[in-house]
Amino acid sequence: MKKLKRLLYMAPVALLIAACDNGFEEMNVNPNASTEVVPGFLFTKAQLDAVSVNFTGGAYLTIGGSMQHFATYKEVPAAGDKYFNFSYSTGNWAAYSQAVVEIEQVIDAVADQPTNVNLLSASRIWKAYTFHRLTDLYGDVPYSDAGKALTDKNYSPKYDEQSAIYPDLLKELDESINAFDAAQTTFGKSDLIYGGDIGKWKKFGYSLMLRLGMRLTEVDPAAAKTWVQKAIAGGVITSDADIATIAYVDGSNTSNRNFIASGLMTTDYVSPGGDNVEGGKIAKTFIDHLKATSDPRLGVVAIVWKPSADGKTVTADTSAALQKGMPNAAFNSLPGDFNNYSEPNPATILRYDAPLLVFTSAEAHLLLAEAAVRGWYTGATATEEYNLAVTAGLKQWSAFGAAGVISDAKIAAYLKANPYKAGTVAQQMEQIQTQKWVTLFLEDEYEIFANWRRTGYPKLTPTNYPGNLTGGKIPTRFVIPDSEELYNQVNFYEARTRQGGTNTLSSMVWWDK
């Protein structure tokens, strides 16, 4: 009887187990997740992930400090300020698990369908944008094998030499631009930058070609000239209407906020005045330059919190005389005058709904000015292109709202006080590249870092904080994370040997001479 009862008890349990087993696979499928690649959705995400990866660690703390846009009194976040901590520079490697995989999946999904040629071309251009940042930061990196884990089960991609990556990036841009077909479909609203406008994508592609071509000036001048002239002939971004821009909005969904504003607010500038997380302020080198040149951008980008008479409230004061930059690597504890140093302007830079200017007409005009100095461009003089660049660089701040508007009168006064000086080639280069250092402030610290390594401008005085990791040399490369030594050891060691046998902040990339 007991045995019968036990069998009767176990029977429904067995039936339940069988039922669970029969539907197990269906039950474990997420109904809210897509099992197939939706190119438009993934292209949107690839755009957002490529521009925002590791902004706080890479662009703000490492490059922002080393390029002396920002300074900190603390040691832990001082990768760029005191050359003291390399870990913040490793975070951009996360692009491989995000933007790289995403754009590769989009390319795989659209490559076989001729009617998707515009989707493929835009994706290839965006892939070139994504990879030029990675290789500029790290040198030899996984490229031809990258993003193939899902399709090819390749979990140990080889490292391509940067000297081979650059020609392929330029080839990709050239082929993609020429393949666009106005009769075919586009990404439309899934394209956050141009809304599928292929004419503007061509200009973006040629502008990126101009940037990458100029990167070769110290290692292959002949190739540099060829690609620069091809880009100029194709047509680059020279008007505000063609600026590559990603719009952000404020609101309860924090992922829609501008990541620069979010990063700065989260780390250092969440409350007016007082101490902050990373100990950061705008650097003395940058503020002093803006003040010395009477640059009207000073009041647009920088403020000092001024307390009221009763000390109960503070006001963001943009007065030029009040602005004061904090010296790099000068402190290792909270300085007594910390509240007197300049911070980013909450009415412009720290707006959650501020746009991201991915590639501007100001940068393109500066590149054209350099091409004119080198004798590679005769469509305008270096003076004309420089003046256009300065004007565009000042006007672009109007995209950040009323507090960013700089009047024509102020622009004219700035150009009169700081005219283009057609001196020696070196003097002209210094003026052009220093202007780029100001123009791209915060919007593209990565490009500022690359351009400084290529040209040596602006002239920056290194810091030499006790115990620094570079011997008092401004960092010249990001450090590849330790995980590569663990999971991709053979390829990592091979690349490290090719690049001088080191993986440090003082290592150098191929084009940096």
Protein backbone atom coordinates (compact mmCIF):
# COMPACT_ATOMS: atom_id res chain seq x y z
CA MET A 1 0.00 0.00 0.00
CA LYS A 2 2.83 2.38 0.90
CA LYS A 3 4.54 1.53 -2.37
CA LEU A 4 1.36 2.28 -4.33
CA LYS A 5 0.94 5.62 -2.55
CA ARG A 6 4.53 6.48 -3.35
CA LEU A 7 4.02 5.70 -7.04
CA LEU A 8 0.81 7.73 -7.13
CA TYR A 9 2.65 10.64 -5.50
CA MET A 10 5.59 10.48 -7.90
CA ALA A 11 3.52 10.16 -11.07
CA PRO A 12 2.41 13.79 -11.31
CA VAL A 13 5.95 14.91 -10.39
CA ALA A 14 7.29 12.84 -13.30
CA LEU A 15 4.66 14.30 -15.58
CA LEU A 16 5.63 17.78 -14.41
CA ILE A 17 9.31 17.11 -15.08
CA ALA A 18 8.49 15.80 -18.53
CA ALA A 19 6.34 18.82 -19.24
CA CYS A 20 9.14 21.16 -18.11
CA ASP A 21 11.64 19.28 -20.21
CA ASN A 22 9.44 19.41 -23.30
CA GLY A 23 9.11 23.20 -23.12
CA PHE A 24 12.45 24.00 -21.52
CA GLU A 25 14.04 25.71 -24.54
CA GLU A 26 10.96 27.83 -25.20
CA MET A 27 10.75 28.90 -21.56
CA ASN A 28 14.35 30.05 -21.58
CA VAL A 29 14.00 32.39 -24.54
CA ASN A 30 13.76 36.05 -23.57
CA PRO A 31 10.54 37.30 -25.22
CA ASN A 32 11.84 40.87 -25.12
CA ALA A 33 15.12 40.12 -26.94
CA SER A 34 15.63 39.77 -30.67
CA THR A 35 17.35 36.61 -31.87
CA GLU A 36 18.24 38.27 -35.17
CA VAL A 37 20.26 41.37 -35.96
CA VAL A 38 18.09 44.41 -36.67
CA PRO A 39 20.58 46.56 -38.60
CA GLY A 40 18.97 49.92 -37.87
CA PHE A 41 18.75 49.40 -34.12
CA LEU A 42 22.27 48.04 -33.89
CA PHE A 43 23.69 50.83 -36.06
CA THR A 44 22.20 53.37 -33.66
CA LYS A 45 23.83 51.60 -30.73
CA ALA A 46 27.17 51.34 -32.54
CA GLN A 47 27.14 55.10 -33.09
CA LEU A 48 26.40 55.84 -29.43
CA ASP A 49 28.89 53.30 -28.07
CA ALA A 50 31.76 54.35 -30.34
CA VAL A 51 31.72 57.97 -29.24
CA SER A 52 31.05 57.46 -25.54
CA VAL A 53 33.30 54.55 -24.55
CA ASN A 54 35.33 55.30 -21.39
CA PHE A 55 34.91 59.05 -21.69
CA THR A 56 35.61 59.79 -18.03
CA GLY A 57 38.69 57.57 -17.74
CA GLY A 58 40.12 58.01 -21.23
CA ALA A 59 39.14 61.43 -22.55
CA TYR A 60 38.71 63.42 -19.34
CA LEU A 61 41.18 62.04 -16.80
CA THR A 62 43.92 60.66 -19.06
CA ILE A 63 43.93 62.90 -22.15
CA GLY A 64 42.26 65.92 -20.58
CA GLY A 65 44.99 65.96 -17.93
CA SER A 66 47.97 65.19 -20.15
CA MET A 67 46.88 67.77 -22.74
CA GLN A 68 46.50 70.21 -19.83
CA HIS A 69 42.86 71.01 -20.33
CA PHE A 70 42.16 69.73 -16.83
CA ALA A 71 44.10 69.24 -13.60
CA THR A 72 43.53 67.31 -10.37
CA TYR A 73 45.02 67.45 -6.90
CA LYS A 74 44.40 63.74 -6.27
CA GLU A 75 46.76 60.87 -7.11
CA VAL A 76 44.37 58.03 -7.97
CA PRO A 77 42.74 59.64 -11.04
CA ALA A 78 45.99 61.33 -12.13
CA ALA A 79 46.69 59.29 -15.27
CA GLY A 80 47.12 62.47 -17.29
CA ASP A 81 47.81 65.04 -14.62
CA LYS A 82 50.65 63.33 -12.74
CA TYR A 83 51.30 60.40 -15.14
CA PHE A 84 50.65 58.32 -12.07
CA ASN A 85 47.95 55.78 -12.91
CA PHE A 86 47.61 53.92 -16.21
CA SER A 87 44.43 51.96 -15.43
CA TYR A 88 42.11 54.69 -16.68
CA SER A 89 43.63 54.36 -20.14
CA THR A 90 42.75 50.68 -20.47
CA GLY A 91 39.00 51.28 -20.53
CA ASN A 92 38.75 52.22 -24.20
CA TRP A 93 39.50 48.58 -25.01
CA ALA A 94 35.83 48.00 -24.09
CA ALA A 95 35.01 49.21 -27.61
CA TYR A 96 35.83 45.69 -28.78
CA SER A 97 32.94 44.18 -26.82
CA GLN A 98 30.59 47.00 -27.75
CA ALA A 99 30.96 49.24 -30.82
CA VAL A 100 33.28 46.91 -32.76
CA VAL A 101 31.07 43.84 -32.36
CA GLU A 102 27.97 45.89 -33.09
CA ILE A 103 29.21 47.46 -36.30
CA GLU A 104 30.63 44.13 -37.50
CA GLN A 105 27.21 42.51 -36.97
CA VAL A 106 25.52 45.28 -38.91
CA ILE A 107 27.98 44.86 -41.78
CA ASP A 108 27.46 41.08 -41.81
CA ALA A 109 23.69 41.55 -41.85
CA VAL A 110 23.57 43.96 -44.81
CA ALA A 111 26.59 42.95 -46.89
CA ASP A 112 24.89 40.35 -49.12
CA GLN A 113 21.94 42.47 -50.26
CA PRO A 114 22.74 44.93 -53.11
CA THR A 115 19.79 47.15 -52.14
CA ASN A 116 21.46 47.71 -48.76
CA VAL A 117 24.53 49.33 -50.29
CA ASN A 118 23.95 52.64 -48.45
CA LEU A 119 23.59 50.85 -45.14
CA LEU A 120 26.80 48.99 -45.85
CA SER A 121 28.70 52.13 -46.88
CA ALA A 122 27.65 54.11 -43.81
CA SER A 123 28.57 51.14 -41.61
CA ARG A 124 32.01 50.75 -43.19
CA ILE A 125 32.69 54.46 -42.68
CA TRP A 126 31.59 54.20 -39.06
CA LYS A 127 33.77 51.15 -38.61
CA ALA A 128 36.73 53.19 -39.90
CA TYR A 129 35.88 55.93 -37.40
CA THR A 130 35.70 53.41 -34.56
CA PHE A 131 38.98 51.71 -35.42
CA HIS A 132 41.00 54.85 -36.11
CA ARG A 133 40.41 55.84 -32.49
CA LEU A 134 41.45 52.43 -31.22
CA THR A 135 44.64 52.20 -33.24
CA ASP A 136 45.56 55.82 -32.50
CA LEU A 137 45.31 55.08 -28.78
CA TYR A 138 46.92 51.64 -28.66
CA GLY A 139 49.00 51.23 -31.84
CA ASP A 140 48.95 47.65 -33.18
CA VAL A 141 45.51 46.25 -32.35
CA PRO A 142 43.17 43.45 -33.44
CA TYR A 143 41.62 44.68 -36.69
CA SER A 144 41.12 42.16 -39.49
CA ASP A 145 40.11 39.44 -36.99
CA ALA A 146 38.25 41.73 -34.60
CA GLY A 147 34.58 41.24 -33.82
CA LYS A 148 34.57 37.71 -35.27
CA ALA A 149 33.84 35.77 -32.09
CA LEU A 150 30.16 35.24 -32.95
CA THR A 151 30.61 34.50 -36.66
CA ASP A 152 33.98 32.74 -36.78
CA LYS A 153 34.39 31.62 -33.13
CA ASN A 154 37.68 33.50 -33.16
CA TYR A 155 38.36 34.41 -29.54
CA SER A 156 42.07 35.15 -30.01
CA PRO A 157 42.30 37.73 -32.80
CA LYS A 158 45.69 38.60 -34.21
CA TYR A 159 47.06 42.11 -33.81
CA ASP A 160 47.46 43.95 -37.11
CA GLU A 161 50.33 46.39 -37.49
CA GLN A 162 49.20 50.01 -37.49
CA SER A 163 51.20 50.51 -40.68
CA ALA A 164 48.78 48.05 -42.34
CA ILE A 165 45.64 49.24 -40.55
CA TYR A 166 45.89 52.81 -41.79
CA PRO A 167 46.01 52.00 -45.54
CA ASP A 168 43.03 49.69 -45.08
CA LEU A 169 41.02 52.32 -43.20
CA LEU A 170 41.65 54.77 -46.03
CA LYS A 171 40.72 52.13 -48.63
CA GLU A 172 37.50 51.41 -46.74
CA LEU A 173 36.59 55.08 -46.75
CA ASP A 174 37.32 55.45 -50.46
CA GLU A 175 35.35 52.35 -51.49
CA SER A 176 32.42 53.14 -49.21
CA ILE A 177 32.04 56.72 -50.39
CA ASN A 178 32.08 55.65 -54.03
CA ALA A 179 29.53 52.89 -53.44
CA PHE A 180 26.71 55.13 -52.18
CA ASP A 181 23.62 54.96 -54.40
CA ALA A 182 20.96 57.68 -54.14
CA ALA A 183 18.33 55.27 -55.48
CA GLN A 184 18.65 52.83 -52.58
CA THR A 185 17.38 52.82 -49.01
CA THR A 186 19.23 54.34 -46.04
CA PHE A 187 19.21 53.95 -42.27
CA GLY A 188 16.86 56.92 -42.04
CA LYS A 189 16.07 57.90 -38.44
CA SER A 190 18.23 55.03 -37.13
CA ASP A 191 21.20 57.14 -38.21
CA LEU A 192 21.61 59.59 -35.33
CA ILE A 193 24.16 61.73 -37.14
CA TYR A 194 22.74 62.44 -40.59
CA GLY A 195 19.34 60.75 -40.70
CA GLY A 196 20.45 58.72 -43.70
CA ASP A 197 21.55 61.71 -45.83
CA ILE A 198 24.14 60.08 -48.11
CA GLY A 199 25.45 63.41 -49.41
CA LYS A 200 26.45 64.36 -45.88
CA TRP A 201 27.85 60.88 -45.22
CA LYS A 202 30.14 61.36 -48.21
CA LYS A 203 31.42 64.62 -46.75
CA PHE A 204 31.94 62.95 -43.39
CA GLY A 205 33.83 60.11 -45.09
CA TYR A 206 36.07 62.53 -47.00
CA SER A 207 36.64 64.61 -43.85
CA LEU A 208 37.73 61.50 -41.99
CA MET A 209 39.97 60.64 -44.95
CA LEU A 210 41.49 64.13 -44.68
CA ARG A 211 42.17 63.61 -40.97
CA LEU A 212 43.70 60.15 -41.46
CA GLY A 213 45.69 61.20 -44.50
CA MET A 214 47.25 64.04 -42.54
CA ARG A 215 48.14 61.58 -39.79
CA LEU A 216 50.71 60.04 -42.16
CA THR A 217 52.76 63.21 -42.66
CA GLU A 218 55.71 62.07 -40.53
CA VAL A 219 55.88 58.44 -41.72
CA ASP A 220 54.75 58.53 -45.35
CA PRO A 221 54.50 62.08 -46.75
CA ALA A 222 53.79 60.85 -50.29
CA ALA A 223 50.81 58.77 -49.17
CA ALA A 224 49.67 61.60 -46.92
CA LYS A 225 49.63 64.02 -49.85
CA THR A 226 47.75 61.56 -52.08
CA TRP A 227 44.98 60.91 -49.56
CA VAL A 228 44.70 64.53 -48.43
CA GLN A 229 44.26 65.70 -52.02
CA LYS A 230 41.76 62.92 -52.76
CA ALA A 231 39.71 63.94 -49.72
CA ILE A 232 39.77 67.63 -50.66
CA ALA A 233 38.75 66.85 -54.24
CA GLY A 234 35.88 64.71 -52.95
CA GLY A 235 34.48 67.46 -50.74
CA VAL A 236 34.85 67.78 -46.96
CA ILE A 237 32.71 69.39 -44.25
CA THR A 238 33.05 73.15 -44.71
CA SER A 239 29.64 74.44 -43.59
CA ASP A 240 27.74 74.23 -40.32
CA ALA A 241 24.91 72.39 -42.10
CA ASP A 242 27.17 69.39 -42.66
CA ILE A 243 28.70 69.10 -39.16
CA ALA A 244 28.47 65.52 -37.89
CA THR A 245 26.34 65.88 -34.75
CA ILE A 246 24.61 63.57 -32.31
CA ALA A 247 21.73 65.14 -30.41
CA TYR A 248 21.03 64.28 -26.78
CA VAL A 249 18.07 65.10 -24.56
CA ASP A 250 17.61 65.60 -20.84
CA GLY A 251 15.02 63.64 -18.90
CA SER A 252 14.42 60.75 -16.57
CA ASN A 253 16.05 58.31 -19.03
CA THR A 254 19.69 59.04 -18.20
CA SER A 255 20.96 57.07 -21.21
CA ASN A 256 19.64 59.83 -23.47
CA ARG A 257 21.77 62.48 -21.79
CA ASN A 258 24.98 63.84 -23.24
CA PHE A 259 27.69 61.51 -21.89
CA ILE A 260 30.24 64.32 -21.52
CA ALA A 261 27.94 66.31 -19.26
CA SER A 262 26.95 63.15 -17.38
CA GLY A 263 30.57 62.08 -16.92
CA LEU A 264 31.73 65.45 -15.66
CA MET A 265 28.71 65.90 -13.40
CA THR A 266 29.10 62.43 -11.92
CA THR A 267 32.78 62.82 -11.16
CA ASP A 268 33.61 66.41 -10.33
CA TYR A 269 30.96 69.02 -10.92
CA VAL A 270 27.70 67.68 -9.53
CA SER A 271 27.40 70.45 -6.93
CA PRO A 272 28.49 74.11 -7.05
CA GLY A 273 31.89 74.56 -5.45
CA GLY A 274 33.46 72.48 -2.73
CA ASP A 275 35.54 69.31 -3.00
CA ASN A 276 34.67 66.74 -5.65
CA VAL A 277 35.20 63.07 -6.49
CA GLU A 278 38.28 63.27 -8.73
CA GLY A 279 39.65 66.58 -7.43
CA GLY A 280 39.38 68.19 -10.84
CA LYS A 281 39.34 71.74 -12.19
CA ILE A 282 40.18 73.31 -15.55
CA ALA A 283 43.96 73.52 -15.99
CA LYS A 284 46.07 76.65 -15.69
CA THR A 285 47.69 76.07 -19.12
CA PHE A 286 44.32 76.20 -20.87
CA ILE A 287 42.82 79.10 -18.90
CA ASP A 288 46.01 81.15 -19.23
CA HIS A 289 46.00 80.66 -23.01
CA LEU A 290 42.38 81.76 -23.34
CA LYS A 291 43.03 84.81 -21.18
CA ALA A 292 46.28 85.77 -22.95
CA THR A 293 44.54 85.72 -26.35
CA SER A 294 41.32 87.39 -25.08
CA ASP A 295 39.46 84.37 -26.40
CA PRO A 296 35.68 84.89 -26.14
CA ARG A 297 35.28 81.15 -25.55
CA LEU A 298 36.60 81.68 -22.00
CA GLY A 299 33.23 82.78 -20.66
CA VAL A 300 31.47 80.10 -22.69
CA VAL A 301 33.43 77.16 -21.29
CA ALA A 302 34.56 78.29 -17.84
CA ILE A 303 33.02 79.68 -14.64
CA VAL A 304 34.04 80.29 -11.04
CA TRP A 305 31.48 79.80 -8.30
CA LYS A 306 31.06 83.16 -6.58
CA PRO A 307 29.40 83.11 -3.12
CA SER A 308 26.76 85.64 -2.16
CA ALA A 309 27.38 88.22 0.55
CA ASP A 310 25.66 86.06 3.17
CA GLY A 311 27.45 82.93 1.96
CA LYS A 312 24.19 81.01 1.51
CA THR A 313 24.18 80.77 -2.28
CA VAL A 314 26.70 80.70 -5.13
CA THR A 315 26.54 82.04 -8.67
CA ALA A 316 28.33 80.81 -11.78
CA ASP A 317 30.49 83.80 -12.71
CA THR A 318 31.91 83.91 -16.25
CA SER A 319 33.95 87.10 -15.76
CA ALA A 320 37.30 86.76 -17.53
CA ALA A 321 39.23 88.41 -14.71
CA LEU A 322 37.90 85.87 -12.22
CA GLN A 323 38.92 82.77 -14.20
CA LYS A 324 41.88 80.89 -12.74
CA GLY A 325 43.25 77.53 -13.88
CA MET A 326 44.65 74.95 -11.46
CA PRO A 327 48.30 74.00 -12.09
CA ASN A 328 48.88 70.41 -13.20
CA ALA A 329 50.52 68.07 -10.66
CA ALA A 330 50.94 70.89 -8.14
CA PHE A 331 49.04 69.37 -5.21
CA ASN A 332 48.48 66.03 -3.48
CA SER A 333 45.88 67.31 -1.00
CA LEU A 334 42.97 69.72 -1.24
CA PRO A 335 44.42 73.20 -1.91
CA GLY A 336 43.10 76.00 0.23
CA ASP A 337 42.00 78.04 -2.79
CA PHE A 338 40.32 75.10 -4.55
CA ASN A 339 37.00 76.95 -4.88
CA ASN A 340 38.70 79.80 -6.73
CA TYR A 341 39.68 77.64 -9.70
CA SER A 342 37.62 77.51 -12.89
CA GLU A 343 35.13 74.75 -13.62
CA PRO A 344 33.16 73.85 -16.77
CA ASN A 345 30.20 76.12 -17.46
CA PRO A 346 26.91 74.47 -16.38
CA ALA A 347 25.02 76.54 -18.97
CA THR A 348 26.95 75.02 -21.89
CA ILE A 349 29.31 72.09 -21.31
CA LEU A 350 27.35 70.56 -18.44
CA ARG A 351 23.96 70.61 -20.15
CA TYR A 352 22.51 67.11 -20.39
CA ASP A 353 20.88 68.11 -23.67
CA ALA A 354 24.08 69.45 -25.21
CA PRO A 355 24.91 67.99 -28.64
CA LEU A 356 28.07 66.06 -29.45
CA LEU A 357 29.99 67.55 -32.37
CA VAL A 358 31.58 64.44 -33.90
CA PHE A 359 33.34 66.20 -36.79
CA THR A 360 33.16 69.95 -37.33
CA SER A 361 33.75 72.39 -40.16
CA ALA A 362 36.25 74.12 -37.89
CA GLU A 363 38.48 71.04 -37.80
CA ALA A 364 38.16 70.56 -41.56
CA HIS A 365 39.20 74.18 -42.20
CA LEU A 366 42.22 73.77 -39.91
CA LEU A 367 43.22 70.67 -41.85
CA LEU A 368 42.80 72.61 -45.10
CA ALA A 369 44.96 75.39 -43.67
CA GLU A 370 47.68 72.85 -42.93
CA ALA A 371 47.32 71.38 -46.42
CA ALA A 372 47.77 74.87 -47.85
CA VAL A 373 50.93 75.41 -45.79
CA ARG A 374 52.30 72.12 -47.14
CA GLY A 375 51.49 73.12 -50.73
CA TRP A 376 48.92 70.35 -51.11
CA TYR A 377 45.92 72.64 -51.50
CA THR A 378 45.55 75.76 -53.63
CA GLY A 379 41.80 76.37 -53.36
CA ALA A 380 42.39 78.97 -50.65
CA THR A 381 45.30 80.39 -48.70
CA ALA A 382 46.30 79.18 -45.27
CA THR A 383 45.22 82.57 -43.90
CA GLU A 384 41.76 82.28 -45.45
CA GLU A 385 41.26 78.73 -44.17
CA TYR A 386 42.54 79.64 -40.71
CA ASN A 387 40.12 82.57 -40.47
CA LEU A 388 37.25 80.34 -41.58
CA ALA A 389 38.30 77.75 -38.98
CA VAL A 390 38.43 80.28 -36.15
CA THR A 391 35.07 81.73 -37.11
CA ALA A 392 33.46 78.29 -37.31
CA GLY A 393 35.09 77.22 -34.05
CA LEU A 394 33.67 80.23 -32.22
CA LYS A 395 30.23 79.98 -33.80
CA GLN A 396 29.84 76.25 -33.10
CA TRP A 397 29.29 76.98 -29.40
CA SER A 398 25.87 78.42 -30.26
CA ALA A 399 24.73 74.80 -30.56
CA PHE A 400 25.02 74.67 -26.76
CA GLY A 401 22.34 77.28 -26.19
CA ALA A 402 22.13 81.01 -25.58
CA ALA A 403 25.12 80.98 -23.21
CA GLY A 404 27.27 79.69 -26.06
CA VAL A 405 26.48 82.39 -28.59
CA ILE A 406 29.52 84.50 -29.54
CA SER A 407 28.73 87.66 -31.50
CA ASP A 408 30.22 88.54 -34.86
CA ALA A 409 31.80 91.59 -33.24
CA LYS A 410 33.64 89.42 -30.71
CA ILE A 411 34.77 87.06 -33.45
CA ALA A 412 36.13 89.97 -35.50
CA ALA A 413 37.89 91.38 -32.44
CA TYR A 414 39.50 88.02 -31.68
CA LEU A 415 40.79 87.63 -35.23
CA LYS A 416 42.13 91.18 -35.20
CA ALA A 417 43.95 90.58 -31.91
CA ASN A 418 45.22 87.16 -33.04
CA PRO A 419 45.84 87.39 -36.80
CA TYR A 420 47.24 84.52 -38.79
CA LYS A 421 50.99 84.95 -39.01
CA ALA A 422 52.41 83.66 -42.28
CA GLY A 423 55.91 83.09 -40.91
CA THR A 424 57.99 79.94 -41.17
CA VAL A 425 56.31 76.59 -41.71
CA ALA A 426 56.95 75.72 -38.06
CA GLN A 427 55.37 78.97 -36.87
CA GLN A 428 52.32 78.45 -39.04
CA MET A 429 51.98 74.86 -37.86
CA GLU A 430 52.15 75.96 -34.25
CA GLN A 431 49.38 78.48 -34.74
CA ILE A 432 47.13 76.05 -36.62
CA GLN A 433 47.60 73.12 -34.24
CA THR A 434 47.31 75.26 -31.11
CA GLN A 435 44.03 76.56 -32.45
CA LYS A 436 42.92 72.95 -32.89
CA TRP A 437 43.77 72.29 -29.23
CA VAL A 438 41.35 75.07 -28.29
CA THR A 439 38.69 74.34 -30.92
CA LEU A 440 38.24 70.64 -30.09
CA PHE A 441 38.24 71.15 -26.31
CA LEU A 442 36.13 68.38 -24.72
CA GLU A 443 34.32 67.53 -27.96
CA ASP A 444 37.21 65.39 -29.22
CA GLU A 445 40.05 65.01 -26.72
CA TYR A 446 41.15 61.89 -28.63
CA GLU A 447 41.87 63.92 -31.75
CA ILE A 448 43.69 66.57 -29.72
CA PHE A 449 45.90 63.83 -28.24
CA ALA A 450 46.64 62.33 -31.66
CA ASN A 451 47.33 65.70 -33.25
CA TRP A 452 49.69 66.74 -30.45
CA ARG A 453 51.69 63.51 -30.86
CA ARG A 454 51.90 64.03 -34.62
CA THR A 455 52.82 67.72 -34.64
CA GLY A 456 54.21 68.51 -31.17
CA TYR A 457 51.75 71.38 -30.77
CA PRO A 458 50.67 73.01 -28.61
CA LYS A 459 53.96 73.21 -26.75
CA LEU A 460 53.20 71.78 -23.32
CA THR A 461 55.51 71.71 -20.31
CA PRO A 462 55.48 68.17 -18.83
CA THR A 463 54.94 67.59 -15.13
CA ASN A 464 57.32 65.48 -13.07
CA TYR A 465 55.35 64.33 -10.05
CA PRO A 466 57.24 62.05 -7.63
CA GLY A 467 56.80 58.38 -8.55
CA ASN A 468 55.29 59.06 -11.97
CA LEU A 469 55.29 56.23 -14.51
CA THR A 470 56.90 58.02 -17.46
CA GLY A 471 59.98 59.71 -16.06
CA GLY A 472 58.31 63.07 -16.45
CA LYS A 473 57.30 62.55 -20.08
CA ILE A 474 53.79 63.34 -21.28
CA PRO A 475 52.04 60.00 -22.00
CA THR A 476 52.15 58.98 -25.64
CA ARG A 477 50.03 55.83 -25.76
CA PHE A 478 47.29 54.07 -23.84
CA VAL A 479 48.03 50.81 -22.04
CA ILE A 480 46.45 47.59 -23.33
CA PRO A 481 44.60 45.86 -20.46
CA ASP A 482 46.07 42.87 -18.61
CA SER A 483 43.20 40.67 -19.83
CA GLU A 484 44.85 40.48 -23.24
CA GLU A 485 47.96 38.94 -21.69
CA LEU A 486 45.70 36.35 -20.08
CA TYR A 487 43.30 35.49 -22.90
CA ASN A 488 45.19 36.42 -26.08
CA GLN A 489 48.75 35.98 -24.91
CA VAL A 490 50.56 34.86 -28.06
CA ASN A 491 49.17 37.65 -30.23
CA PHE A 492 49.58 40.25 -27.50
CA TYR A 493 53.25 39.34 -26.92
CA GLU A 494 53.97 39.42 -30.64
CA ALA A 495 52.48 42.92 -30.95
CA ARG A 496 54.26 44.13 -27.82
CA THR A 497 57.60 42.97 -29.21
CA ARG A 498 56.94 44.80 -32.48
CA GLN A 499 56.23 48.00 -30.59
CA GLY A 500 59.45 48.17 -28.64
CA GLY A 501 58.77 45.44 -26.11
CA THR A 502 56.76 47.62 -23.73
CA ASN A 503 53.11 48.25 -22.93
CA THR A 504 53.29 51.51 -21.03
CA LEU A 505 52.15 55.13 -21.12
CA SER A 506 55.51 55.95 -22.74
CA SER A 507 55.13 53.50 -25.64
CA MET A 508 54.64 55.03 -29.09
CA VAL A 509 52.44 54.28 -32.07
CA TRP A 510 53.75 53.85 -35.61
CA TRP A 511 52.90 57.29 -37.02
CA ASP A 512 54.22 59.16 -33.96
CA LYS A 513 57.72 60.34 -34.89
